[in-house]
C-alpha atoms as a PDB file:
ATOM      1  CA  MET A   1     168.554 179.470  61.493  1.00  0.00           C
ATOM      2  CA  LYS A   2     171.951 178.112  62.685  1.00  0.00           C
ATOM      3  CA  ASN A   3     170.509 174.639  62.969  1.00  0.00           C
ATOM      4  CA  SER A   4     169.618 174.824  59.278  1.00  0.00           C
ATOM      5  CA  ILE A   5     172.977 176.005  58.267  1.00  0.00           C
ATOM      6  CA  ASP A   6     174.664 173.362  60.256  1.00  0.00           C
ATOM      7  CA  LYS A   7     172.500 170.724  58.685  1.00  0.00           C
ATOM      8  CA  GLU A   8     173.431 172.156  55.246  1.00  0.00           C
ATOM      9  CA  ILE A   9     177.205 172.073  56.170  1.00  0.00           C
ATOM     10  CA  ALA A  10     176.919 168.577  57.409  1.00  0.00           C
ATOM     11  CA  ALA A  11     175.177 167.439  54.221  1.00  0.00           C
ATOM     12  CA  ALA A  12     177.817 169.152  52.104  1.00  0.00           C
ATOM     13  CA  GLU A  13     180.636 167.652  54.105  1.00  0.00           C
ATOM     14  CA  GLU A  14     179.043 164.220  53.711  1.00  0.00           C
ATOM     15  CA  LYS A  15     178.802 164.741  49.901  1.00  0.00           C
ATOM     16  CA  LEU A  16     182.361 165.926  49.746  1.00  0.00           C
ATOM     17  CA  LYS A  17     183.504 162.820  51.614  1.00  0.00           C
ATOM     18  CA  LYS A  18     181.640 160.533  49.240  1.00  0.00           C
ATOM     19  CA  LEU A  19     183.111 162.490  46.190  1.00  0.00           C
ATOM     20  CA  LYS A  20     186.604 162.137  47.620  1.00  0.00           C
ATOM     21  CA  ALA A  21     186.064 158.318  48.115  1.00  0.00           C
ATOM     22  CA  PHE A  22     184.743 157.961  44.531  1.00  0.00           C
ATOM     23  CA  LYS A  23     187.677 159.954  43.176  1.00  0.00           C
ATOM     24  CA  GLU A  24     190.206 157.801  45.246  1.00  0.00           C
ATOM     25  CA  GLY A  25     188.453 154.743  43.925  1.00  0.00           C
ATOM     26  CA  GLU A  26     188.875 155.782  40.343  1.00  0.00           C
ATOM     27  CA  GLN A  27     192.457 156.998  40.901  1.00  0.00           C
ATOM     28  CA  ARG A  28     193.530 153.682  42.508  1.00  0.00           C
ATOM     29  CA  HIS A  29     192.890 151.889  39.260  1.00  0.00           C
ATOM     30  CA  THR A  30     195.697 153.662  37.485  1.00  0.00           C
ATOM     31  CA  GLU A  31     199.443 153.304  37.610  1.00  0.00           C
ATOM     32  CA  GLU A  32     199.699 156.794  39.056  1.00  0.00           C
ATOM     33  CA  GLY A  33     197.382 155.781  41.848  1.00  0.00           C
ATOM     34  CA  LEU A  34     199.433 152.736  42.639  1.00  0.00           C
ATOM     35  CA  ALA A  35     202.541 154.895  42.605  1.00  0.00           C
ATOM     36  CA  GLU A  36     201.051 157.163  45.236  1.00  0.00           C
ATOM     37  CA  ARG A  37     200.037 154.166  47.325  1.00  0.00           C
ATOM     38  CA  LEU A  38     203.473 152.684  47.039  1.00  0.00           C
ATOM     39  CA  HIS A  39     205.099 155.950  48.032  1.00  0.00           C
ATOM     40  CA  SER A  40     202.951 156.214  51.045  1.00  0.00           C
ATOM     41  CA  LEU A  41     204.082 152.634  52.072  1.00  0.00           C
ATOM     42  CA  LEU A  42     207.732 152.489  51.031  1.00  0.00           C
ATOM     43  CA  CYS A  43     209.172 156.127  51.500  1.00  0.00           C
ATOM     44  CA  PHE A  44     210.577 156.638  54.847  1.00  0.00           C
ATOM     45  CA  ALA A  45     212.586 159.812  54.007  1.00  0.00           C
ATOM     46  CA  ASN A  46     212.063 163.149  55.813  1.00  0.00           C
ATOM     47  CA  HIS A  47     209.376 164.855  53.647  1.00  0.00           C
ATOM     48  CA  ILE A  48     210.698 168.264  54.640  1.00  0.00           C
ATOM     49  CA  ASP A  49     214.085 167.935  53.002  1.00  0.00           C
ATOM     50  CA  GLY A  50     214.707 164.242  52.270  1.00  0.00           C
ATOM     51  CA  CYS A  51     211.966 163.410  49.749  1.00  0.00           C
ATOM     52  CA  SER A  52     210.772 165.865  46.945  1.00  0.00           C
ATOM     53  CA  TRP A  53     207.506 164.049  46.470  1.00  0.00           C
ATOM     54  CA  GLU A  54     205.404 166.936  47.921  1.00  0.00           C
ATOM     55  CA  TYR A  55     207.143 169.563  45.990  1.00  0.00           C
ATOM     56  CA  GLU A  56     207.079 167.963  42.534  1.00  0.00           C
ATOM     57  CA  GLU A  57     204.157 168.932  40.372  1.00  0.00           C
ATOM     58  CA  ASP A  58     204.193 166.131  37.770  1.00  0.00           C
ATOM     59  CA  TRP A  59     205.105 162.634  36.895  1.00  0.00           C
ATOM     60  CA  GLU A  60     208.273 163.396  35.141  1.00  0.00           C
ATOM     61  CA  LYS A  61     210.062 164.761  38.241  1.00  0.00           C
ATOM     62  CA  PRO A  62     212.532 162.261  39.785  1.00  0.00           C
ATOM     63  CA  ARG A  63     210.661 160.969  42.835  1.00  0.00           C
ATOM     64  CA  HIS A  64     207.297 160.739  41.033  1.00  0.00           C
ATOM     65  CA  ARG A  65     209.112 158.904  38.124  1.00  0.00           C
ATOM     66  CA  GLU A  66     210.769 156.538  40.633  1.00  0.00           C
ATOM     67  CA  TYR A  67     207.485 155.467  42.193  1.00  0.00           C
ATOM     68  CA  LEU A  68     205.687 155.374  38.735  1.00  0.00           C
ATOM     69  CA  GLU A  69     208.355 152.971  37.480  1.00  0.00           C
ATOM     70  CA  LYS A  70     207.897 150.794  40.600  1.00  0.00           C
ATOM     71  CA  ALA A  71     204.061 150.947  39.993  1.00  0.00           C
ATOM     72  CA  TYR A  72     204.494 149.797  36.334  1.00  0.00           C
ATOM     73  CA  ALA A  73     206.847 146.960  37.374  1.00  0.00           C
ATOM     74  CA  VAL A  74     204.365 145.755  40.090  1.00  0.00           C
ATOM     75  CA  ALA A  75     201.339 146.113  37.606  1.00  0.00           C
ATOM     76  CA  ASN A  76     203.228 144.165  34.898  1.00  0.00           C
ATOM     77  CA  ALA A  77     204.277 141.441  37.385  1.00  0.00           C
ATOM     78  CA  ILE A  78     200.844 140.819  39.152  1.00  0.00           C
ATOM     79  CA  GLY A  79     198.405 143.206  37.654  1.00  0.00           C
ATOM     80  CA  LEU A  80     196.974 146.486  38.895  1.00  0.00           C
ATOM     81  CA  GLU A  81     193.921 144.974  40.578  1.00  0.00           C
ATOM     82  CA  ALA A  82     196.022 142.383  42.361  1.00  0.00           C
ATOM     83  CA  ALA A  83     198.474 145.065  43.500  1.00  0.00           C
ATOM     84  CA  ASN A  84     195.693 147.203  45.013  1.00  0.00           C
ATOM     85  CA  LYS A  85     194.113 144.309  46.665  1.00  0.00           C
ATOM     86  CA  PHE A  86     197.438 143.479  48.280  1.00  0.00           C
ATOM     87  CA  LEU A  87     197.856 147.013  49.512  1.00  0.00           C
ATOM     88  CA  ASP A  88     194.351 146.930  50.837  1.00  0.00           C
ATOM     89  CA  ALA A  89     195.093 143.699  52.730  1.00  0.00           C
ATOM     90  CA  LEU A  90     198.116 145.337  54.408  1.00  0.00           C
ATOM     91  CA  LYS A  91     196.136 148.125  56.130  1.00  0.00           C
ATOM     92  CA  VAL A  92     199.287 149.508  57.832  1.00  0.00           C
ATOM     93  CA  GLU A  93     198.431 151.429  60.865  1.00  0.00           C
ATOM     94  CA  GLY A  94     199.212 155.124  60.496  1.00  0.00           C
ATOM     95  CA  ILE A  95     199.937 154.884  56.685  1.00  0.00           C
ATOM     96  CA  ASN A  96     197.284 156.106  54.350  1.00  0.00           C
ATOM     97  CA  LEU A  97     197.221 153.462  51.661  1.00  0.00           C
END
Protein backbone atom coordinates (compact mmCIF):
# COMPACT_ATOMS: atom_id res chain seq x y z
CA MET A 1 0.00 0.00 0.00
CA LYS A 2 2.69 2.48 0.98
CA ASN A 3 4.65 1.71 -2.16
CA SER A 4 1.61 2.58 -4.27
CA ILE A 5 1.14 5.85 -2.40
CA ASP A 6 4.83 6.67 -2.77
CA LYS A 7 4.53 6.11 -6.52
CA GLU A 8 1.49 8.40 -6.70
CA ILE A 9 3.32 11.08 -4.71
CA ALA A 10 6.36 10.79 -6.97
CA ALA A 11 4.17 11.06 -10.08
CA ALA A 12 2.36 14.10 -8.64
CA GLU A 13 5.66 15.77 -7.73
CA GLU A 14 6.98 15.16 -11.25
CA LYS A 15 3.81 16.64 -12.75
CA LEU A 16 4.11 19.66 -10.45
CA LYS A 17 7.74 20.12 -11.49
CA LYS A 18 6.73 20.10 -15.16
CA LEU A 19 3.87 22.54 -14.55
CA LYS A 20 6.19 24.93 -12.70
CA ALA A 21 8.71 24.74 -15.55
CA PHE A 22 5.93 25.44 -18.07
CA LYS A 23 4.68 28.39 -16.01
CA GLU A 24 8.22 29.75 -15.68
CA GLY A 25 8.72 29.42 -19.42
CA GLU A 26 5.57 31.40 -20.11
CA GLN A 27 6.39 34.00 -17.46
CA ARG A 28 9.86 34.57 -18.87
CA HIS A 29 8.33 35.94 -22.06
CA THR A 30 6.88 38.96 -20.29
CA GLU A 31 8.46 42.13 -19.01
CA GLU A 32 7.44 41.10 -15.49
CA GLY A 33 9.34 37.82 -15.91
CA LEU A 34 12.38 39.72 -17.13
CA ALA A 35 12.08 42.10 -14.16
CA GLU A 36 12.09 39.12 -11.77
CA ARG A 37 15.17 37.70 -13.44
CA LEU A 38 16.95 41.08 -13.37
CA HIS A 39 16.16 41.47 -9.69
CA SER A 40 17.63 38.03 -8.98
CA LEU A 41 20.81 39.03 -10.76
CA LEU A 42 21.25 42.67 -9.81
CA CYS A 43 19.88 43.12 -6.30
CA PHE A 44 22.48 42.56 -3.60
CA ALA A 45 20.51 44.26 -0.83
CA ASN A 46 19.63 42.46 2.35
CA HIS A 47 16.19 40.98 1.69
CA ILE A 48 15.18 41.13 5.33
CA ASP A 49 15.27 44.90 5.69
CA GLY A 50 17.21 46.30 2.73
CA CYS A 51 14.97 45.36 -0.20
CA SER A 52 11.19 45.34 -0.12
CA TRP A 53 10.81 43.00 -3.13
CA GLU A 54 9.57 40.06 -1.06
CA TYR A 55 7.04 42.20 0.83
CA GLU A 56 5.52 44.00 -2.13
CA GLU A 57 2.39 42.52 -3.62
CA ASP A 58 2.12 44.25 -6.99
CA TRP A 59 4.08 45.90 -9.77
CA GLU A 60 3.17 49.44 -8.66
CA LYS A 61 5.27 49.20 -5.49
CA PRO A 62 8.70 50.92 -5.60
CA ARG A 63 11.08 47.96 -5.87
CA HIS A 64 8.94 46.09 -8.40
CA ARG A 65 8.42 49.29 -10.40
CA GLU A 66 12.20 49.91 -10.42
CA TYR A 67 12.98 46.50 -11.90
CA LEU A 68 10.02 46.61 -14.26
CA GLU A 69 11.38 49.88 -15.66
CA LYS A 70 14.79 48.22 -16.09
CA ALA A 71 13.08 45.32 -17.89
CA TYR A 72 11.23 47.67 -20.24
CA ALA A 73 14.48 49.52 -21.00
CA VAL A 74 16.36 46.29 -21.74
CA ALA A 75 13.48 44.87 -23.79
CA ASN A 76 13.25 48.09 -25.80
CA ALA A 77 17.01 48.11 -26.40
CA ILE A 78 17.62 44.50 -27.41
CA GLY A 79 14.25 42.73 -27.32
CA LEU A 80 12.70 40.46 -24.74
CA GLU A 81 13.88 37.23 -26.35
CA ALA A 82 17.48 38.44 -26.63
CA ALA A 83 17.44 39.62 -23.01
CA ASN A 84 16.26 36.21 -21.81
CA LYS A 85 18.83 34.42 -23.98
CA PHE A 86 21.54 36.63 -22.50
CA LEU A 87 20.44 35.80 -18.94
CA ASP A 88 20.26 32.11 -19.86
CA ALA A 89 23.84 32.30 -21.11
CA LEU A 90 25.07 33.81 -17.83
CA LYS A 91 24.00 30.87 -15.65
CA VAL A 92 25.40 32.51 -12.54
CA GLU A 93 26.15 29.96 -9.82
CA GLY A 94 23.84 30.31 -6.83
CA ILE A 95 21.51 32.78 -8.52
CA ASN A 96 18.18 31.53 -9.79
CA LEU A 97 17.77 33.22 -13.16
